[in-house]
Amino acid sequence: MSNKLYVGNLSFDSTENDIQDLFAQAGTVSEVALMQDRTTGQSRGFGFVTMSSADEAQKAISLFNGKAVNGRPLTVNEARPREERGGGGGPRKSFGNRGGGGGGGYQKRY
C-alpha cells in the first residue's frame, strides 16, 4: 500500500493546517496538498495527504473514511497514480486544404 491518500468531500473552508491536525491523530503526516481552482483560488473540495508509513496510511483510512468533518462525510482512500493527459489542449488551427474557390465576378470579354 502507498503512503499517499486521496481525501475527498472536504469543506471549502478547510485549510492544509486543519487537515494536517486531523490526520496527525493517525500518525506522522509528511505532506498535505489541497487542490485549488486555478482561476479563483478557491478550494476544489479534495486533496492529498502523505503519511510517513503504509501502516499509518491504513490507520488514517479506517479512522477518517466516512467520518463527518465540518458537516461533510470524508472520502479517504489510497491515491491512484496520476494519469497522463494528452498534449497542450486548446483549439487546433488548420490552414491546409480550404477547398476550391468559385471563380470570381470578373469575366474577360473578347
N, C-alpha and C. Protein backbone atom coordinates (compact mmCIF):
# COMPACT_ATOMS: atom_id res chain seq x y z
N MET A 1 0.84 -1.19 0.00
CA MET A 1 0.00 0.00 0.00
C MET A 1 0.88 1.25 0.00
N SER A 2 0.40 2.25 -0.69
CA SER A 2 1.11 3.52 -0.77
C SER A 2 0.86 4.34 0.49
N ASN A 3 1.71 5.32 0.73
CA ASN A 3 1.53 6.22 1.87
C ASN A 3 0.67 7.42 1.52
N LYS A 4 0.39 7.61 0.23
CA LYS A 4 -0.35 8.79 -0.23
C LYS A 4 -1.84 8.49 -0.27
N LEU A 5 -2.63 9.38 0.33
CA LEU A 5 -4.08 9.19 0.43
C LEU A 5 -4.82 10.29 -0.31
N TYR A 6 -5.92 9.92 -0.94
CA TYR A 6 -6.86 10.87 -1.52
C TYR A 6 -7.86 11.21 -0.43
N VAL A 7 -8.15 12.49 -0.25
CA VAL A 7 -9.15 12.93 0.73
C VAL A 7 -10.16 13.78 -0.01
N GLY A 8 -11.40 13.29 -0.10
CA GLY A 8 -12.43 13.99 -0.84
C GLY A 8 -13.59 14.43 0.03
N ASN A 9 -14.45 15.25 -0.54
CA ASN A 9 -15.63 15.82 0.10
C ASN A 9 -15.27 16.73 1.27
N LEU A 10 -14.16 17.45 1.10
CA LEU A 10 -13.73 18.40 2.12
C LEU A 10 -14.58 19.66 2.05
N SER A 11 -14.76 20.28 3.20
CA SER A 11 -15.41 21.58 3.25
C SER A 11 -14.52 22.57 2.50
N PHE A 12 -15.12 23.50 1.79
CA PHE A 12 -14.35 24.50 1.05
C PHE A 12 -13.61 25.44 2.00
N ASP A 13 -13.97 25.42 3.29
CA ASP A 13 -13.30 26.25 4.29
C ASP A 13 -12.10 25.55 4.92
N SER A 14 -11.89 24.28 4.61
CA SER A 14 -10.78 23.52 5.21
C SER A 14 -9.44 24.08 4.74
N THR A 15 -8.48 24.10 5.66
CA THR A 15 -7.13 24.54 5.32
C THR A 15 -6.18 23.35 5.43
N GLU A 16 -4.99 23.51 4.88
CA GLU A 16 -3.99 22.44 4.98
C GLU A 16 -3.63 22.17 6.43
N ASN A 17 -3.60 23.22 7.26
CA ASN A 17 -3.31 23.03 8.69
C ASN A 17 -4.41 22.22 9.37
N ASP A 18 -5.68 22.49 9.02
CA ASP A 18 -6.80 21.73 9.60
C ASP A 18 -6.64 20.24 9.27
N ILE A 19 -6.33 19.95 8.01
CA ILE A 19 -6.21 18.56 7.57
C ILE A 19 -4.99 17.90 8.22
N GLN A 20 -3.90 18.63 8.32
CA GLN A 20 -2.70 18.08 8.98
C GLN A 20 -3.01 17.73 10.43
N ASP A 21 -3.68 18.62 11.13
CA ASP A 21 -4.02 18.36 12.54
C ASP A 21 -4.93 17.14 12.66
N LEU A 22 -5.89 17.02 11.77
CA LEU A 22 -6.82 15.88 11.81
C LEU A 22 -6.08 14.57 11.58
N PHE A 23 -5.28 14.50 10.50
CA PHE A 23 -4.62 13.26 10.15
C PHE A 23 -3.46 12.92 11.08
N ALA A 24 -2.98 13.87 11.85
CA ALA A 24 -1.93 13.60 12.84
C ALA A 24 -2.43 12.63 13.92
N GLN A 25 -3.74 12.50 14.05
CA GLN A 25 -4.30 11.54 15.00
C GLN A 25 -3.99 10.10 14.58
N ALA A 26 -3.68 9.89 13.29
CA ALA A 26 -3.39 8.55 12.79
C ALA A 26 -1.89 8.29 12.70
N GLY A 27 -1.07 9.34 12.84
CA GLY A 27 0.38 9.17 12.74
C GLY A 27 1.05 10.42 12.21
N THR A 28 2.26 10.25 11.75
CA THR A 28 3.05 11.38 11.26
C THR A 28 2.64 11.73 9.83
N VAL A 29 2.26 12.99 9.63
CA VAL A 29 1.87 13.48 8.31
C VAL A 29 3.09 14.08 7.64
N SER A 30 3.45 13.56 6.46
CA SER A 30 4.61 14.07 5.72
C SER A 30 4.26 15.28 4.87
N GLU A 31 3.06 15.25 4.27
CA GLU A 31 2.67 16.33 3.35
C GLU A 31 1.15 16.41 3.23
N VAL A 32 0.67 17.63 3.08
CA VAL A 32 -0.75 17.87 2.80
C VAL A 32 -0.83 18.82 1.61
N ALA A 33 -1.65 18.47 0.63
CA ALA A 33 -1.83 19.33 -0.54
C ALA A 33 -3.31 19.39 -0.87
N LEU A 34 -3.92 20.57 -0.68
CA LEU A 34 -5.31 20.77 -1.06
C LEU A 34 -5.35 21.37 -2.46
N MET A 35 -6.23 20.85 -3.30
CA MET A 35 -6.34 21.33 -4.67
C MET A 35 -7.20 22.58 -4.73
N GLN A 36 -6.73 23.56 -5.52
CA GLN A 36 -7.45 24.82 -5.67
C GLN A 36 -7.73 25.10 -7.13
N ASP A 37 -8.82 25.81 -7.37
CA ASP A 37 -9.16 26.24 -8.72
C ASP A 37 -8.11 27.25 -9.18
N ARG A 38 -7.63 27.07 -10.40
CA ARG A 38 -6.56 27.95 -10.91
C ARG A 38 -7.00 29.40 -11.06
N THR A 39 -8.24 29.60 -11.46
CA THR A 39 -8.67 30.97 -11.73
C THR A 39 -9.16 31.70 -10.49
N THR A 40 -9.89 31.01 -9.61
CA THR A 40 -10.46 31.68 -8.44
C THR A 40 -9.63 31.51 -7.18
N GLY A 41 -8.79 30.47 -7.13
CA GLY A 41 -8.00 30.21 -5.93
C GLY A 41 -8.81 29.53 -4.83
N GLN A 42 -10.09 29.25 -5.10
CA GLN A 42 -10.96 28.60 -4.10
C GLN A 42 -10.68 27.10 -4.07
N SER A 43 -10.85 26.52 -2.90
CA SER A 43 -10.65 25.09 -2.73
C SER A 43 -11.59 24.31 -3.65
N ARG A 44 -11.09 23.18 -4.18
CA ARG A 44 -11.91 22.33 -5.04
C ARG A 44 -12.57 21.21 -4.24
N GLY A 45 -12.33 21.15 -2.92
CA GLY A 45 -13.02 20.18 -2.08
C GLY A 45 -12.33 18.83 -1.98
N PHE A 46 -11.08 18.74 -2.45
CA PHE A 46 -10.33 17.50 -2.28
C PHE A 46 -8.85 17.80 -2.19
N GLY A 47 -8.10 16.80 -1.74
CA GLY A 47 -6.66 16.98 -1.62
C GLY A 47 -5.98 15.65 -1.39
N PHE A 48 -4.70 15.72 -1.06
CA PHE A 48 -3.90 14.53 -0.84
C PHE A 48 -3.11 14.69 0.45
N VAL A 49 -3.03 13.59 1.19
CA VAL A 49 -2.27 13.56 2.43
C VAL A 49 -1.28 12.41 2.31
N THR A 50 -0.02 12.70 2.62
CA THR A 50 1.00 11.65 2.60
C THR A 50 1.39 11.36 4.04
N MET A 51 1.22 10.11 4.43
CA MET A 51 1.60 9.66 5.77
C MET A 51 3.01 9.10 5.72
N SER A 52 3.66 8.98 6.88
CA SER A 52 5.06 8.53 6.88
C SER A 52 5.22 7.04 6.66
N SER A 53 4.15 6.25 6.85
CA SER A 53 4.25 4.81 6.60
C SER A 53 2.94 4.27 6.06
N ALA A 54 3.02 3.10 5.46
CA ALA A 54 1.81 2.45 4.92
C ALA A 54 0.86 2.07 6.05
N ASP A 55 1.39 1.68 7.20
CA ASP A 55 0.53 1.32 8.34
C ASP A 55 -0.27 2.53 8.83
N GLU A 56 0.41 3.69 8.89
CA GLU A 56 -0.29 4.91 9.31
C GLU A 56 -1.33 5.33 8.28
N ALA A 57 -1.02 5.13 7.00
CA ALA A 57 -1.98 5.45 5.95
C ALA A 57 -3.22 4.58 6.09
N GLN A 58 -3.03 3.29 6.35
CA GLN A 58 -4.17 2.38 6.53
C GLN A 58 -4.98 2.77 7.76
N LYS A 59 -4.29 3.17 8.82
CA LYS A 59 -4.98 3.61 10.04
C LYS A 59 -5.82 4.86 9.76
N ALA A 60 -5.27 5.80 8.97
CA ALA A 60 -6.00 7.03 8.62
C ALA A 60 -7.25 6.71 7.82
N ILE A 61 -7.15 5.75 6.90
CA ILE A 61 -8.32 5.35 6.12
C ILE A 61 -9.40 4.81 7.04
N SER A 62 -9.02 3.93 7.96
CA SER A 62 -10.03 3.33 8.85
C SER A 62 -10.61 4.36 9.81
N LEU A 63 -9.81 5.35 10.23
CA LEU A 63 -10.32 6.36 11.15
C LEU A 63 -11.21 7.40 10.48
N PHE A 64 -10.84 7.83 9.27
CA PHE A 64 -11.48 9.02 8.70
C PHE A 64 -12.40 8.79 7.51
N ASN A 65 -12.35 7.64 6.86
CA ASN A 65 -13.26 7.42 5.73
C ASN A 65 -14.69 7.36 6.25
N GLY A 66 -15.52 8.27 5.80
CA GLY A 66 -16.92 8.34 6.23
C GLY A 66 -17.14 9.21 7.46
N LYS A 67 -16.07 9.66 8.10
CA LYS A 67 -16.21 10.50 9.30
C LYS A 67 -16.65 11.91 8.89
N ALA A 68 -17.63 12.46 9.59
CA ALA A 68 -18.11 13.81 9.31
C ALA A 68 -17.14 14.85 9.87
N VAL A 69 -16.66 15.71 8.99
CA VAL A 69 -15.79 16.82 9.38
C VAL A 69 -16.40 18.08 8.78
N ASN A 70 -16.70 19.05 9.62
CA ASN A 70 -17.39 20.28 9.20
C ASN A 70 -18.70 19.95 8.49
N GLY A 71 -19.40 18.92 8.98
CA GLY A 71 -20.71 18.56 8.44
C GLY A 71 -20.67 17.77 7.15
N ARG A 72 -19.49 17.32 6.71
CA ARG A 72 -19.39 16.58 5.45
C ARG A 72 -18.65 15.26 5.70
N PRO A 73 -19.22 14.15 5.25
CA PRO A 73 -18.53 12.86 5.43
C PRO A 73 -17.36 12.75 4.46
N LEU A 74 -16.16 12.56 5.01
CA LEU A 74 -14.96 12.48 4.17
C LEU A 74 -14.88 11.18 3.39
N THR A 75 -14.26 11.25 2.25
CA THR A 75 -13.89 10.07 1.47
C THR A 75 -12.37 9.98 1.57
N VAL A 76 -11.88 8.91 2.16
CA VAL A 76 -10.43 8.73 2.31
C VAL A 76 -10.07 7.36 1.77
N ASN A 77 -9.19 7.32 0.77
CA ASN A 77 -8.70 6.05 0.25
C ASN A 77 -7.31 6.24 -0.34
N GLU A 78 -6.71 5.13 -0.74
CA GLU A 78 -5.38 5.19 -1.32
C GLU A 78 -5.42 5.98 -2.62
N ALA A 79 -4.48 6.89 -2.78
CA ALA A 79 -4.42 7.70 -4.00
C ALA A 79 -3.95 6.85 -5.16
N ARG A 80 -4.62 7.01 -6.31
CA ARG A 80 -4.20 6.30 -7.52
C ARG A 80 -3.14 7.12 -8.21
N PRO A 81 -2.28 6.47 -9.00
CA PRO A 81 -1.27 7.23 -9.75
C PRO A 81 -1.95 8.18 -10.73
N ARG A 82 -1.34 9.32 -10.93
CA ARG A 82 -1.89 10.33 -11.83
C ARG A 82 -1.82 9.81 -13.26
N GLU A 83 -2.93 9.96 -13.97
CA GLU A 83 -2.98 9.53 -15.36
C GLU A 83 -2.37 10.60 -16.25
N GLU A 84 -1.64 10.14 -17.26
CA GLU A 84 -1.07 11.08 -18.22
C GLU A 84 -2.20 11.68 -19.06
N ARG A 85 -2.11 12.97 -19.29
CA ARG A 85 -3.12 13.65 -20.10
C ARG A 85 -2.50 13.97 -21.45
N GLY A 86 -3.37 14.14 -22.42
CA GLY A 86 -2.93 14.46 -23.77
C GLY A 86 -2.22 15.80 -23.83
N GLY A 87 -1.72 16.15 -24.98
CA GLY A 87 -0.95 17.36 -25.24
C GLY A 87 -1.58 18.64 -24.74
N GLY A 88 -1.16 19.74 -25.30
CA GLY A 88 -1.46 21.07 -24.79
C GLY A 88 -2.90 21.53 -24.82
N GLY A 89 -3.80 20.85 -25.44
CA GLY A 89 -5.19 21.27 -25.43
C GLY A 89 -5.42 22.54 -26.22
N GLY A 90 -6.60 23.05 -26.18
CA GLY A 90 -6.94 24.25 -26.92
C GLY A 90 -7.36 23.91 -28.34
N PRO A 91 -7.92 24.89 -29.03
CA PRO A 91 -8.38 24.62 -30.40
C PRO A 91 -7.21 24.39 -31.34
N ARG A 92 -7.43 23.55 -32.30
CA ARG A 92 -6.39 23.28 -33.30
C ARG A 92 -6.73 24.07 -34.56
N LYS A 93 -5.73 24.72 -35.11
CA LYS A 93 -5.94 25.54 -36.31
C LYS A 93 -5.30 24.85 -37.49
N SER A 94 -6.05 24.69 -38.53
CA SER A 94 -5.53 24.07 -39.73
C SER A 94 -5.82 25.00 -40.90
N PHE A 95 -4.78 25.29 -41.66
CA PHE A 95 -4.97 26.20 -42.78
C PHE A 95 -4.87 25.49 -44.13
N GLY A 96 -4.59 24.21 -44.09
CA GLY A 96 -4.42 23.48 -45.34
C GLY A 96 -5.76 23.04 -45.92
N ASN A 97 -5.79 22.88 -47.23
CA ASN A 97 -6.95 22.34 -47.95
C ASN A 97 -8.25 23.03 -47.58
N ARG A 98 -8.35 24.26 -47.95
CA ARG A 98 -9.57 25.01 -47.66
C ARG A 98 -10.64 24.81 -48.72
N GLY A 99 -10.36 24.03 -49.70
CA GLY A 99 -11.35 23.81 -50.75
C GLY A 99 -11.15 24.81 -51.88
N GLY A 100 -11.74 24.52 -52.98
CA GLY A 100 -11.57 25.38 -54.15
C GLY A 100 -12.48 26.58 -54.08
N GLY A 101 -12.03 27.64 -54.68
CA GLY A 101 -12.87 28.82 -54.73
C GLY A 101 -13.84 28.71 -55.89
N GLY A 102 -14.73 29.58 -55.99
CA GLY A 102 -15.72 29.51 -57.05
C GLY A 102 -15.55 30.61 -58.06
N GLY A 103 -14.49 30.75 -58.70
CA GLY A 103 -14.35 31.76 -59.75
C GLY A 103 -14.62 33.15 -59.21
N GLY A 104 -14.45 34.13 -59.94
CA GLY A 104 -14.69 35.48 -59.47
C GLY A 104 -15.86 36.09 -60.20
N GLY A 105 -16.09 37.34 -60.01
CA GLY A 105 -17.17 38.01 -60.70
C GLY A 105 -16.70 38.67 -61.99
N TYR A 106 -15.46 38.57 -62.32
CA TYR A 106 -14.91 39.26 -63.49
C TYR A 106 -14.79 38.27 -64.65
N GLN A 107 -15.34 38.63 -65.77
CA GLN A 107 -15.19 37.79 -66.98
C GLN A 107 -14.49 38.60 -68.04
N LYS A 108 -13.56 37.99 -68.66
CA LYS A 108 -12.83 38.66 -69.73
C LYS A 108 -13.66 38.57 -71.00
N ARG A 109 -13.91 39.66 -71.67
CA ARG A 109 -14.71 39.66 -72.89
C ARG A 109 -13.79 39.81 -74.08
N TYR A 110 -14.06 39.06 -75.12
CA TYR A 110 -13.26 39.12 -76.33
C TYR A 110 -13.99 39.79 -77.43
